[in-house]
Amino acid sequence: MTPYVYQIKFVPTNQIYIGCQYANNANPENLWVTYFTSSKRVKQLIKEFGLTAWVVEKIIVCHTKKEAVTLEGRMQLAADRASLINRRINNTKFNLSGPFSDEHCLRISEGKKGGTSWTKGRKLSDVTKEKISKTRSKQGFLMSDEAKESMKRKLSILQTGRIKSELTKQRISESKTGRKLGPQNPEHVRKRIESRLATLKKRKQECRS
């Protein structure tokens, strides 16, 4: 393994892409011979314009993975953002040692596959839930009724044919204990009243027009 940082230029637009490679098979001699970056954007441009539309401008060999990642970030920060193909740069998303390249993000994604989320099994307090709700409300994350219905339909399709374990059935039963179903449910009554009011309002508007 030979970690290295590279800079390639897309000749038609004079834009550059800065990346690094430090996988087990990393070898600077393979750049633009058998290795053509992991960037989807670069690969799309190669498909459209060919390999001859690119020029390898810089190859810097590093001693360690950390050195390569740090140098990659510094080079990206020093470059003109408008001339960079790296999408993470253009979206102004940075880490402590510099911005994430498409390759670095892909490596992070691959490394997290199959792992367990740090939030799994954790119970949020009411205060935390309220803070999350307020934050999402400010950022426009509230789902419309149409989006909620669409989500329900998709979940229903995913659940079709799945066999619930006895433990899952028991938990569902316990969660429904003491709940009023159908017309006796206060939530059901509230929605029915809101639906009627909306219908009456619509009819009044139609009569006025």
N, C-alpha and C. Protein backbone atom coordinates (compact mmCIF):
# COMPACT_ATOMS: atom_id res chain seq x y z
N MET A 1 0.84 -1.20 0.00
CA MET A 1 0.00 0.00 0.00
C MET A 1 0.87 1.26 0.00
N THR A 2 0.57 2.16 -0.93
CA THR A 2 1.29 3.44 -1.00
C THR A 2 0.27 4.57 -1.04
N PRO A 3 -0.05 5.18 0.09
CA PRO A 3 -1.03 6.28 0.10
C PRO A 3 -0.51 7.46 -0.71
N TYR A 4 -1.43 8.10 -1.42
CA TYR A 4 -1.02 9.27 -2.21
C TYR A 4 -2.19 10.20 -2.47
N VAL A 5 -1.85 11.43 -2.78
CA VAL A 5 -2.85 12.46 -3.12
C VAL A 5 -2.61 12.84 -4.57
N TYR A 6 -3.69 13.10 -5.28
CA TYR A 6 -3.55 13.44 -6.70
C TYR A 6 -4.46 14.60 -7.08
N GLN A 7 -4.09 15.27 -8.15
CA GLN A 7 -4.91 16.35 -8.73
C GLN A 7 -4.99 16.13 -10.23
N ILE A 8 -6.21 16.04 -10.73
CA ILE A 8 -6.42 15.85 -12.17
C ILE A 8 -7.23 17.02 -12.71
N LYS A 9 -7.02 17.34 -13.99
CA LYS A 9 -7.72 18.48 -14.60
C LYS A 9 -8.59 18.01 -15.76
N PHE A 10 -9.82 18.54 -15.77
CA PHE A 10 -10.74 18.29 -16.88
C PHE A 10 -10.54 19.41 -17.90
N VAL A 11 -9.86 19.09 -19.00
CA VAL A 11 -9.40 20.09 -19.96
C VAL A 11 -10.51 20.96 -20.56
N PRO A 12 -11.66 20.41 -20.96
CA PRO A 12 -12.70 21.24 -21.59
C PRO A 12 -13.15 22.42 -20.74
N THR A 13 -13.13 22.29 -19.41
CA THR A 13 -13.59 23.38 -18.55
C THR A 13 -12.49 23.92 -17.63
N ASN A 14 -11.31 23.29 -17.68
CA ASN A 14 -10.19 23.65 -16.79
C ASN A 14 -10.52 23.47 -15.31
N GLN A 15 -11.48 22.61 -15.02
CA GLN A 15 -11.80 22.31 -13.63
C GLN A 15 -10.88 21.19 -13.14
N ILE A 16 -10.69 21.15 -11.82
CA ILE A 16 -9.79 20.14 -11.25
C ILE A 16 -10.54 19.28 -10.22
N TYR A 17 -10.01 18.09 -10.03
CA TYR A 17 -10.52 17.19 -9.00
C TYR A 17 -9.34 16.76 -8.14
N ILE A 18 -9.48 16.90 -6.82
CA ILE A 18 -8.43 16.55 -5.88
C ILE A 18 -8.92 15.39 -5.01
N GLY A 19 -8.16 14.33 -4.99
CA GLY A 19 -8.54 13.16 -4.19
C GLY A 19 -7.33 12.46 -3.64
N CYS A 20 -7.59 11.38 -2.89
CA CYS A 20 -6.49 10.59 -2.36
C CYS A 20 -6.90 9.12 -2.35
N GLN A 21 -5.93 8.26 -2.34
CA GLN A 21 -6.18 6.83 -2.27
C GLN A 21 -5.24 6.22 -1.24
N TYR A 22 -5.82 5.40 -0.34
CA TYR A 22 -4.98 4.76 0.67
C TYR A 22 -5.49 3.35 0.99
N ALA A 23 -6.22 2.75 0.06
CA ALA A 23 -6.69 1.38 0.25
C ALA A 23 -5.52 0.41 0.18
N ASN A 24 -5.79 -0.85 0.44
CA ASN A 24 -4.72 -1.86 0.44
C ASN A 24 -4.02 -1.97 -0.91
N ASN A 25 -4.79 -1.68 -1.98
CA ASN A 25 -4.20 -1.79 -3.32
C ASN A 25 -3.77 -0.43 -3.88
N ALA A 26 -3.65 0.57 -3.01
CA ALA A 26 -3.28 1.92 -3.47
C ALA A 26 -1.88 1.92 -4.07
N ASN A 27 -1.78 2.46 -5.28
CA ASN A 27 -0.49 2.55 -5.97
C ASN A 27 -0.56 3.71 -6.96
N PRO A 28 0.26 4.74 -6.77
CA PRO A 28 0.21 5.91 -7.66
C PRO A 28 0.45 5.57 -9.14
N GLU A 29 1.12 4.46 -9.40
CA GLU A 29 1.39 4.07 -10.80
C GLU A 29 0.12 3.62 -11.52
N ASN A 30 -0.92 3.28 -10.72
CA ASN A 30 -2.18 2.82 -11.32
C ASN A 30 -3.14 3.95 -11.67
N LEU A 31 -2.81 5.17 -11.21
CA LEU A 31 -3.70 6.30 -11.47
C LEU A 31 -3.80 6.57 -12.97
N TRP A 32 -5.00 6.58 -13.45
CA TRP A 32 -5.36 6.81 -14.86
C TRP A 32 -4.87 5.69 -15.78
N VAL A 33 -4.54 4.54 -15.13
CA VAL A 33 -4.21 3.34 -15.91
C VAL A 33 -5.27 2.27 -15.62
N THR A 34 -5.43 1.97 -14.32
CA THR A 34 -6.50 1.05 -13.90
C THR A 34 -7.41 1.69 -12.85
N TYR A 35 -6.95 2.80 -12.28
CA TYR A 35 -7.74 3.49 -11.26
C TYR A 35 -8.13 4.88 -11.78
N PHE A 36 -9.46 5.13 -11.76
CA PHE A 36 -9.97 6.39 -12.32
C PHE A 36 -10.84 7.14 -11.31
N THR A 37 -10.44 7.13 -10.05
CA THR A 37 -11.14 7.74 -8.92
C THR A 37 -12.45 7.00 -8.63
N SER A 38 -13.04 7.31 -7.48
CA SER A 38 -14.33 6.72 -7.11
C SER A 38 -15.47 7.72 -7.27
N SER A 39 -15.15 8.89 -7.81
CA SER A 39 -16.15 9.95 -7.96
C SER A 39 -17.14 9.63 -9.08
N LYS A 40 -18.42 9.66 -8.76
CA LYS A 40 -19.47 9.42 -9.76
C LYS A 40 -19.45 10.52 -10.83
N ARG A 41 -19.19 11.75 -10.39
CA ARG A 41 -19.16 12.88 -11.32
C ARG A 41 -18.01 12.73 -12.31
N VAL A 42 -16.83 12.36 -11.83
CA VAL A 42 -15.67 12.17 -12.71
C VAL A 42 -15.93 11.04 -13.69
N LYS A 43 -16.49 9.94 -13.20
CA LYS A 43 -16.77 8.80 -14.07
C LYS A 43 -17.79 9.14 -15.14
N GLN A 44 -18.76 9.99 -14.79
CA GLN A 44 -19.75 10.42 -15.77
C GLN A 44 -19.10 11.26 -16.87
N LEU A 45 -18.18 12.14 -16.47
CA LEU A 45 -17.46 12.97 -17.45
C LEU A 45 -16.55 12.12 -18.33
N ILE A 46 -15.95 11.09 -17.73
CA ILE A 46 -15.11 10.18 -18.52
C ILE A 46 -15.96 9.47 -19.57
N LYS A 47 -17.15 9.07 -19.16
CA LYS A 47 -18.06 8.37 -20.07
C LYS A 47 -18.46 9.26 -21.24
N GLU A 48 -18.65 10.56 -20.95
CA GLU A 48 -19.10 11.49 -21.99
C GLU A 48 -17.97 11.99 -22.88
N PHE A 49 -16.79 12.26 -22.28
CA PHE A 49 -15.70 12.90 -23.04
C PHE A 49 -14.46 12.03 -23.23
N GLY A 50 -14.39 10.90 -22.51
CA GLY A 50 -13.25 10.01 -22.66
C GLY A 50 -12.09 10.34 -21.73
N LEU A 51 -11.12 9.44 -21.65
CA LEU A 51 -9.96 9.61 -20.77
C LEU A 51 -9.02 10.70 -21.26
N THR A 52 -9.02 10.95 -22.56
CA THR A 52 -8.09 11.93 -23.12
C THR A 52 -8.47 13.37 -22.78
N ALA A 53 -9.66 13.55 -22.21
CA ALA A 53 -10.10 14.90 -21.83
C ALA A 53 -9.53 15.30 -20.47
N TRP A 54 -8.72 14.41 -19.89
CA TRP A 54 -8.17 14.65 -18.55
C TRP A 54 -6.65 14.67 -18.59
N VAL A 55 -6.08 15.43 -17.64
CA VAL A 55 -4.63 15.49 -17.48
C VAL A 55 -4.30 15.32 -16.00
N VAL A 56 -3.37 14.40 -15.71
CA VAL A 56 -2.91 14.22 -14.32
C VAL A 56 -1.88 15.31 -14.03
N GLU A 57 -2.20 16.21 -13.13
CA GLU A 57 -1.32 17.35 -12.86
C GLU A 57 -0.37 17.09 -11.69
N LYS A 58 -0.87 16.44 -10.65
CA LYS A 58 -0.03 16.24 -9.46
C LYS A 58 -0.25 14.84 -8.87
N ILE A 59 0.83 14.23 -8.40
CA ILE A 59 0.78 13.00 -7.61
C ILE A 59 1.76 13.17 -6.46
N ILE A 60 1.26 13.15 -5.26
CA ILE A 60 2.11 13.34 -4.08
C ILE A 60 2.03 12.07 -3.22
N VAL A 61 3.14 11.37 -3.10
CA VAL A 61 3.19 10.14 -2.32
C VAL A 61 3.31 10.49 -0.83
N CYS A 62 2.53 9.80 0.01
CA CYS A 62 2.54 10.04 1.45
C CYS A 62 2.99 8.77 2.20
N HIS A 63 3.33 8.97 3.46
CA HIS A 63 3.81 7.83 4.26
C HIS A 63 2.67 7.10 4.96
N THR A 64 1.65 7.85 5.36
CA THR A 64 0.55 7.24 6.10
C THR A 64 -0.80 7.68 5.54
N LYS A 65 -1.84 6.96 5.92
CA LYS A 65 -3.20 7.30 5.52
C LYS A 65 -3.59 8.68 6.06
N LYS A 66 -3.25 8.95 7.32
CA LYS A 66 -3.58 10.23 7.95
C LYS A 66 -2.93 11.39 7.20
N GLU A 67 -1.69 11.19 6.81
CA GLU A 67 -0.97 12.23 6.08
C GLU A 67 -1.65 12.52 4.74
N ALA A 68 -2.10 11.47 4.07
CA ALA A 68 -2.75 11.63 2.76
C ALA A 68 -4.08 12.37 2.89
N VAL A 69 -4.89 11.98 3.89
CA VAL A 69 -6.20 12.63 4.08
C VAL A 69 -6.03 14.09 4.46
N THR A 70 -5.06 14.37 5.34
CA THR A 70 -4.82 15.76 5.77
C THR A 70 -4.35 16.62 4.61
N LEU A 71 -3.43 16.09 3.82
CA LEU A 71 -2.92 16.85 2.67
C LEU A 71 -4.03 17.08 1.64
N GLU A 72 -4.84 16.07 1.42
CA GLU A 72 -5.97 16.20 0.48
C GLU A 72 -6.88 17.36 0.91
N GLY A 73 -7.19 17.42 2.20
CA GLY A 73 -8.05 18.49 2.71
C GLY A 73 -7.43 19.87 2.56
N ARG A 74 -6.13 19.96 2.83
CA ARG A 74 -5.43 21.25 2.71
C ARG A 74 -5.40 21.73 1.26
N MET A 75 -5.16 20.81 0.35
CA MET A 75 -5.12 21.18 -1.07
C MET A 75 -6.50 21.65 -1.56
N GLN A 76 -7.54 20.98 -1.09
CA GLN A 76 -8.89 21.37 -1.48
C GLN A 76 -9.26 22.73 -0.92
N LEU A 77 -8.84 22.98 0.32
CA LEU A 77 -9.12 24.28 0.94
C LEU A 77 -8.37 25.41 0.23
N ALA A 78 -7.17 25.11 -0.25
CA ALA A 78 -6.34 26.13 -0.90
C ALA A 78 -6.80 26.42 -2.32
N ALA A 79 -7.52 25.48 -2.92
CA ALA A 79 -7.95 25.64 -4.32
C ALA A 79 -9.15 26.56 -4.44
N ASP A 80 -9.35 27.07 -5.63
CA ASP A 80 -10.52 27.90 -5.92
C ASP A 80 -11.74 27.00 -6.02
N ARG A 81 -12.74 27.25 -5.18
CA ARG A 81 -13.91 26.37 -5.14
C ARG A 81 -14.65 26.31 -6.47
N ALA A 82 -14.69 27.42 -7.16
CA ALA A 82 -15.42 27.45 -8.42
C ALA A 82 -14.80 26.53 -9.46
N SER A 83 -13.50 26.25 -9.31
CA SER A 83 -12.81 25.40 -10.29
C SER A 83 -12.77 23.94 -9.88
N LEU A 84 -13.35 23.62 -8.72
CA LEU A 84 -13.30 22.24 -8.21
C LEU A 84 -14.50 21.41 -8.66
N ILE A 85 -14.25 20.21 -9.06
CA ILE A 85 -15.32 19.28 -9.42
C ILE A 85 -15.86 18.60 -8.16
N ASN A 86 -15.03 18.52 -7.12
CA ASN A 86 -15.46 17.88 -5.87
C ASN A 86 -16.76 18.50 -5.38
N ARG A 87 -17.82 17.72 -5.34
CA ARG A 87 -19.11 18.26 -4.96
C ARG A 87 -19.18 18.63 -3.50
N ARG A 88 -18.48 17.91 -2.65
CA ARG A 88 -18.50 18.21 -1.22
C ARG A 88 -17.92 19.59 -0.94
N ILE A 89 -16.98 19.99 -1.77
CA ILE A 89 -16.40 21.32 -1.61
C ILE A 89 -17.43 22.37 -2.00
N ASN A 90 -18.06 22.15 -3.14
CA ASN A 90 -19.02 23.14 -3.63
C ASN A 90 -20.23 23.27 -2.72
N ASN A 91 -20.49 22.22 -1.90
CA ASN A 91 -21.57 22.28 -0.92
C ASN A 91 -21.09 22.84 0.41
N THR A 92 -19.82 23.25 0.47
CA THR A 92 -19.19 23.83 1.66
C THR A 92 -19.33 22.95 2.89
N LYS A 93 -19.12 21.62 2.71
CA LYS A 93 -19.14 20.71 3.86
C LYS A 93 -17.70 20.33 4.18
N PHE A 94 -17.23 20.70 5.38
CA PHE A 94 -15.84 20.49 5.74
C PHE A 94 -15.73 19.65 7.02
N ASN A 95 -14.60 18.95 7.17
CA ASN A 95 -14.28 18.32 8.44
C ASN A 95 -13.09 19.06 9.03
N LEU A 96 -12.58 18.58 10.15
CA LEU A 96 -11.52 19.30 10.85
C LEU A 96 -10.24 19.41 10.04
N SER A 97 -9.96 18.40 9.23
CA SER A 97 -8.71 18.42 8.47
C SER A 97 -8.93 18.88 7.04
N GLY A 98 -10.13 19.35 6.73
CA GLY A 98 -10.42 19.79 5.37
C GLY A 98 -11.75 19.23 4.90
N PRO A 99 -12.13 19.50 3.67
CA PRO A 99 -13.41 19.04 3.15
C PRO A 99 -13.37 17.57 2.76
N PHE A 100 -14.52 16.92 2.80
CA PHE A 100 -14.62 15.53 2.37
C PHE A 100 -14.69 15.45 0.85
N SER A 101 -13.86 14.63 0.26
CA SER A 101 -13.97 14.38 -1.17
C SER A 101 -15.02 13.30 -1.40
N ASP A 102 -15.43 13.11 -2.65
CA ASP A 102 -16.40 12.06 -2.96
C ASP A 102 -15.86 10.69 -2.57
N GLU A 103 -14.55 10.48 -2.78
CA GLU A 103 -13.94 9.20 -2.43
C GLU A 103 -13.97 8.96 -0.93
N HIS A 104 -13.66 10.03 -0.16
CA HIS A 104 -13.64 9.91 1.29
C HIS A 104 -15.03 9.59 1.82
N CYS A 105 -16.06 10.23 1.26
CA CYS A 105 -17.44 9.98 1.67
C CYS A 105 -17.84 8.54 1.34
N LEU A 106 -17.37 8.04 0.19
CA LEU A 106 -17.68 6.67 -0.20
C LEU A 106 -17.04 5.69 0.78
N ARG A 107 -15.82 5.98 1.19
CA ARG A 107 -15.13 5.10 2.15
C ARG A 107 -15.86 5.10 3.50
N ILE A 108 -16.33 6.27 3.93
CA ILE A 108 -17.08 6.35 5.18
C ILE A 108 -18.36 5.54 5.10
N SER A 109 -19.05 5.67 3.96
CA SER A 109 -20.29 4.93 3.74
C SER A 109 -20.07 3.42 3.78
N GLU A 110 -19.00 2.98 3.09
CA GLU A 110 -18.70 1.54 3.05
C GLU A 110 -18.34 1.03 4.44
N GLY A 111 -17.63 1.87 5.20
CA GLY A 111 -17.22 1.46 6.54
C GLY A 111 -18.37 1.33 7.52
N LYS A 112 -19.43 2.08 7.29
CA LYS A 112 -20.59 2.07 8.21
C LYS A 112 -21.60 0.99 7.87
N LYS A 113 -21.48 0.38 6.70
CA LYS A 113 -22.46 -0.63 6.29
C LYS A 113 -22.41 -1.83 7.24
N GLY A 114 -23.58 -2.24 7.70
CA GLY A 114 -23.67 -3.40 8.58
C GLY A 114 -23.46 -3.07 10.05
N GLY A 115 -23.11 -1.80 10.33
CA GLY A 115 -22.90 -1.39 11.72
C GLY A 115 -24.20 -1.07 12.43
N THR A 116 -24.13 -0.93 13.74
CA THR A 116 -25.30 -0.59 14.56
C THR A 116 -25.29 0.89 14.89
N SER A 117 -26.41 1.54 14.69
CA SER A 117 -26.51 2.96 14.97
C SER A 117 -26.32 3.23 16.46
N TRP A 118 -25.64 4.32 16.78
CA TRP A 118 -25.39 4.65 18.18
C TRP A 118 -26.68 5.01 18.91
N THR A 119 -27.74 5.30 18.18
CA THR A 119 -29.02 5.66 18.81
C THR A 119 -29.91 4.45 19.07
N LYS A 120 -29.52 3.28 18.57
CA LYS A 120 -30.36 2.09 18.73
C LYS A 120 -30.50 1.72 20.20
N GLY A 121 -31.75 1.57 20.65
CA GLY A 121 -32.02 1.18 22.03
C GLY A 121 -32.06 2.34 23.01
N ARG A 122 -31.70 3.53 22.56
CA ARG A 122 -31.72 4.70 23.46
C ARG A 122 -33.10 5.32 23.50
N LYS A 123 -33.55 5.68 24.68
CA LYS A 123 -34.85 6.33 24.85
C LYS A 123 -34.64 7.83 25.04
N LEU A 124 -35.33 8.60 24.22
CA LEU A 124 -35.20 10.05 24.31
C LEU A 124 -36.14 10.62 25.36
N SER A 125 -35.65 11.60 26.09
CA SER A 125 -36.49 12.26 27.08
C SER A 125 -37.49 13.17 26.38
N ASP A 126 -38.54 13.58 27.11
CA ASP A 126 -39.55 14.47 26.53
C ASP A 126 -38.94 15.81 26.11
N VAL A 127 -37.95 16.27 26.89
CA VAL A 127 -37.28 17.54 26.58
C VAL A 127 -36.53 17.43 25.25
N THR A 128 -35.82 16.31 25.07
CA THR A 128 -35.07 16.09 23.83
C THR A 128 -36.01 15.98 22.63
N LYS A 129 -37.12 15.27 22.81
CA LYS A 129 -38.10 15.12 21.74
C LYS A 129 -38.68 16.47 21.33
N GLU A 130 -38.92 17.32 22.33
CA GLU A 130 -39.47 18.65 22.04
C GLU A 130 -38.47 19.50 21.27
N LYS A 131 -37.19 19.40 21.65
CA LYS A 131 -36.14 20.16 20.95
C LYS A 131 -36.03 19.70 19.49
N ILE A 132 -36.07 18.38 19.27
CA ILE A 132 -35.99 17.85 17.91
C ILE A 132 -37.18 18.32 17.09
N SER A 133 -38.35 18.31 17.70
CA SER A 133 -39.56 18.74 17.01
C SER A 133 -39.48 20.20 16.60
N LYS A 134 -38.99 21.06 17.50
CA LYS A 134 -38.88 22.48 17.20
C LYS A 134 -37.85 22.73 16.10
N THR A 135 -36.73 22.01 16.17
CA THR A 135 -35.68 22.17 15.15
C THR A 135 -36.18 21.78 13.78
N ARG A 136 -36.88 20.66 13.69
CA ARG A 136 -37.40 20.20 12.41
C ARG A 136 -38.48 21.13 11.88
N SER A 137 -39.25 21.69 12.81
CA SER A 137 -40.30 22.63 12.40
C SER A 137 -39.70 23.88 11.78
N LYS A 138 -38.61 24.38 12.37
CA LYS A 138 -37.94 25.57 11.84
C LYS A 138 -37.30 25.30 10.49
N GLN A 139 -36.79 24.08 10.30
CA GLN A 139 -36.08 23.75 9.07
C GLN A 139 -36.99 23.19 7.99
N GLY A 140 -38.29 23.17 8.29
CA GLY A 140 -39.26 22.74 7.27
C GLY A 140 -39.33 21.24 7.07
N PHE A 141 -39.09 20.46 8.15
CA PHE A 141 -39.12 19.02 8.04
C PHE A 141 -40.49 18.42 8.34
N LEU A 142 -41.49 19.25 8.64
CA LEU A 142 -42.81 18.73 8.93
C LEU A 142 -43.42 18.13 7.67
N MET A 143 -43.95 16.94 7.77
CA MET A 143 -44.51 16.25 6.61
C MET A 143 -45.95 16.69 6.37
N SER A 144 -46.29 16.87 5.13
CA SER A 144 -47.67 17.19 4.77
C SER A 144 -48.52 15.94 4.91
N ASP A 145 -49.86 16.12 4.93
CA ASP A 145 -50.76 14.97 5.04
C ASP A 145 -50.57 14.01 3.86
N GLU A 146 -50.32 14.60 2.69
CA GLU A 146 -50.11 13.77 1.50
C GLU A 146 -48.85 12.93 1.64
N ALA A 147 -47.79 13.54 2.19
CA ALA A 147 -46.53 12.81 2.37
C ALA A 147 -46.69 11.71 3.41
N LYS A 148 -47.47 12.00 4.47
CA LYS A 148 -47.71 10.99 5.51
C LYS A 148 -48.44 9.78 4.94
N GLU A 149 -49.47 10.06 4.12
CA GLU A 149 -50.24 8.97 3.52
C GLU A 149 -49.36 8.14 2.59
N SER A 150 -48.50 8.83 1.84
CA SER A 150 -47.58 8.13 0.94
C SER A 150 -46.63 7.24 1.72
N MET A 151 -46.13 7.75 2.86
CA MET A 151 -45.24 6.98 3.71
C MET A 151 -45.95 5.76 4.28
N LYS A 152 -47.22 5.92 4.68
CA LYS A 152 -47.99 4.79 5.22
C LYS A 152 -48.17 3.70 4.18
N ARG A 153 -48.46 4.12 2.93
CA ARG A 153 -48.66 3.14 1.86
C ARG A 153 -47.37 2.36 1.59
N LYS A 154 -46.24 3.08 1.57
CA LYS A 154 -44.95 2.42 1.32
C LYS A 154 -44.61 1.42 2.43
N LEU A 155 -44.85 1.84 3.70
CA LEU A 155 -44.58 0.96 4.83
C LEU A 155 -45.48 -0.27 4.80
N SER A 156 -46.73 -0.04 4.38
CA SER A 156 -47.68 -1.14 4.29
C SER A 156 -47.22 -2.18 3.26
N ILE A 157 -46.71 -1.69 2.13
CA ILE A 157 -46.21 -2.59 1.08
C ILE A 157 -45.00 -3.38 1.58
N LEU A 158 -44.12 -2.69 2.32
CA LEU A 158 -42.93 -3.35 2.85
C LEU A 158 -43.27 -4.43 3.87
N GLN A 159 -44.36 -4.18 4.63
CA GLN A 159 -44.76 -5.13 5.68
C GLN A 159 -45.52 -6.32 5.13
N THR A 160 -46.02 -6.23 3.89
CA THR A 160 -46.82 -7.31 3.30
C THR A 160 -46.01 -8.61 3.22
N GLY A 161 -46.60 -9.67 3.76
CA GLY A 161 -45.95 -10.97 3.70
C GLY A 161 -44.98 -11.24 4.83
N ARG A 162 -44.70 -10.24 5.66
CA ARG A 162 -43.76 -10.44 6.77
C ARG A 162 -44.48 -11.11 7.94
N ILE A 163 -43.85 -12.10 8.53
CA ILE A 163 -44.44 -12.84 9.65
C ILE A 163 -43.91 -12.25 10.95
N LYS A 164 -44.84 -11.83 11.81
CA LYS A 164 -44.45 -11.23 13.10
C LYS A 164 -44.14 -12.32 14.10
N SER A 165 -43.10 -12.11 14.89
CA SER A 165 -42.74 -13.06 15.94
C SER A 165 -43.74 -12.94 17.09
N GLU A 166 -43.75 -13.94 17.96
CA GLU A 166 -44.67 -13.92 19.10
C GLU A 166 -44.37 -12.75 20.03
N LEU A 167 -43.08 -12.39 20.17
CA LEU A 167 -42.70 -11.26 21.01
C LEU A 167 -43.25 -9.96 20.44
N THR A 168 -43.15 -9.80 19.10
CA THR A 168 -43.67 -8.60 18.45
C THR A 168 -45.18 -8.51 18.62
N LYS A 169 -45.88 -9.65 18.45
CA LYS A 169 -47.33 -9.67 18.63
C LYS A 169 -47.72 -9.28 20.05
N GLN A 170 -46.94 -9.76 21.01
CA GLN A 170 -47.22 -9.45 22.42
C GLN A 170 -47.04 -7.95 22.69
N ARG A 171 -45.96 -7.38 22.13
CA ARG A 171 -45.71 -5.95 22.33
C ARG A 171 -46.81 -5.09 21.70
N ILE A 172 -47.26 -5.48 20.50
CA ILE A 172 -48.34 -4.74 19.84
C ILE A 172 -49.61 -4.81 20.67
N SER A 173 -49.89 -6.01 21.21
CA SER A 173 -51.09 -6.19 22.04
C SER A 173 -51.02 -5.33 23.29
N GLU A 174 -49.85 -5.29 23.93
CA GLU A 174 -49.68 -4.50 25.15
C GLU A 174 -49.81 -3.00 24.87
N SER A 175 -49.30 -2.57 23.71
CA SER A 175 -49.38 -1.14 23.37
C SER A 175 -50.81 -0.69 23.11
N LYS A 176 -51.67 -1.64 22.69
CA LYS A 176 -53.07 -1.29 22.38
C LYS A 176 -54.01 -1.47 23.56
N THR A 177 -53.49 -2.04 24.65
CA THR A 177 -54.32 -2.27 25.83
C THR A 177 -54.83 -0.95 26.40
N GLY A 178 -56.13 -0.86 26.58
CA GLY A 178 -56.73 0.35 27.16
C GLY A 178 -57.03 1.44 26.16
N ARG A 179 -56.65 1.23 24.91
CA ARG A 179 -56.92 2.24 23.89
C ARG A 179 -58.31 2.06 23.33
N LYS A 180 -58.98 3.17 23.07
CA LYS A 180 -60.30 3.14 22.45
C LYS A 180 -60.14 3.17 20.94
N LEU A 181 -60.81 2.23 20.28
CA LEU A 181 -60.69 2.12 18.85
C LEU A 181 -61.94 2.64 18.15
N GLY A 182 -61.77 2.94 16.88
CA GLY A 182 -62.92 3.34 16.06
C GLY A 182 -63.53 4.65 16.49
N PRO A 183 -64.87 4.79 16.40
CA PRO A 183 -65.57 6.05 16.70
C PRO A 183 -65.41 6.53 18.13
N GLN A 184 -65.03 5.61 19.06
CA GLN A 184 -64.87 6.01 20.46
C GLN A 184 -63.52 6.67 20.73
N ASN A 185 -62.62 6.56 19.79
CA ASN A 185 -61.30 7.15 19.96
C ASN A 185 -61.38 8.68 19.78
N PRO A 186 -60.93 9.46 20.80
CA PRO A 186 -60.99 10.93 20.70
C PRO A 186 -60.29 11.48 19.47
N GLU A 187 -59.20 10.84 19.07
CA GLU A 187 -58.47 11.29 17.89
C GLU A 187 -59.31 11.09 16.63
N HIS A 188 -60.03 9.97 16.62
CA HIS A 188 -60.90 9.69 15.48
C HIS A 188 -62.01 10.73 15.38
N VAL A 189 -62.58 11.10 16.55
CA VAL A 189 -63.65 12.11 16.60
C VAL A 189 -63.13 13.46 16.12
N ARG A 190 -61.90 13.82 16.58
CA ARG A 190 -61.32 15.12 16.21
C ARG A 190 -61.11 15.20 14.71
N LYS A 191 -60.58 14.15 14.12
CA LYS A 191 -60.34 14.15 12.67
C LYS A 191 -61.65 14.23 11.89
N ARG A 192 -62.68 13.55 12.41
CA ARG A 192 -63.97 13.56 11.72
C ARG A 192 -64.58 14.96 11.73
N ILE A 193 -64.44 15.66 12.88
CA ILE A 193 -64.96 17.03 13.00
C ILE A 193 -64.20 17.97 12.07
N GLU A 194 -62.85 17.82 12.05
CA GLU A 194 -62.03 18.67 11.18
C GLU A 194 -62.38 18.44 9.71
N SER A 195 -62.66 17.19 9.35
CA SER A 195 -63.03 16.87 7.98
C SER A 195 -64.36 17.53 7.61
N ARG A 196 -65.32 17.49 8.52
CA ARG A 196 -66.63 18.11 8.26
C ARG A 196 -66.51 19.62 8.12
N LEU A 197 -65.71 20.23 9.02
CA LEU A 197 -65.52 21.68 8.96
C LEU A 197 -64.87 22.09 7.64
N ALA A 198 -63.88 21.30 7.21
CA ALA A 198 -63.20 21.59 5.94
C ALA A 198 -64.17 21.48 4.77
N THR A 199 -65.06 20.49 4.83
CA THR A 199 -66.05 20.30 3.76
C THR A 199 -67.02 21.47 3.71
N LEU A 200 -67.49 21.91 4.90
CA LEU A 200 -68.42 23.05 4.97
C LEU A 200 -67.77 24.33 4.46
N LYS A 201 -66.50 24.53 4.82
CA LYS A 201 -65.77 25.72 4.38
C LYS A 201 -65.63 25.73 2.86
N LYS A 202 -65.34 24.56 2.30
CA LYS A 202 -65.19 24.45 0.85
C LYS A 202 -66.51 24.75 0.14
N ARG A 203 -67.62 24.25 0.72
CA ARG A 203 -68.94 24.48 0.12
C ARG A 203 -69.32 25.96 0.15
N LYS A 204 -68.99 26.64 1.25
CA LYS A 204 -69.28 28.07 1.37
C LYS A 204 -68.51 28.86 0.31
N GLN A 205 -67.24 28.49 0.11
CA GLN A 205 -66.43 29.17 -0.90
C GLN A 205 -66.99 28.97 -2.31
N GLU A 206 -67.47 27.74 -2.56
CA GLU A 206 -68.05 27.45 -3.85
C GLU A 206 -69.32 28.23 -4.08
N CYS A 207 -70.15 28.40 -3.02
CA CYS A 207 -71.40 29.14 -3.13
C CYS A 207 -71.14 30.62 -3.41
N ARG A 208 -70.09 31.17 -2.77
CA ARG A 208 -69.76 32.58 -2.96
C ARG A 208 -69.25 32.87 -4.37
N SER A 209 -68.54 31.88 -4.91
CA SER A 209 -68.00 32.07 -6.26
C SER A 209 -69.06 31.80 -7.31
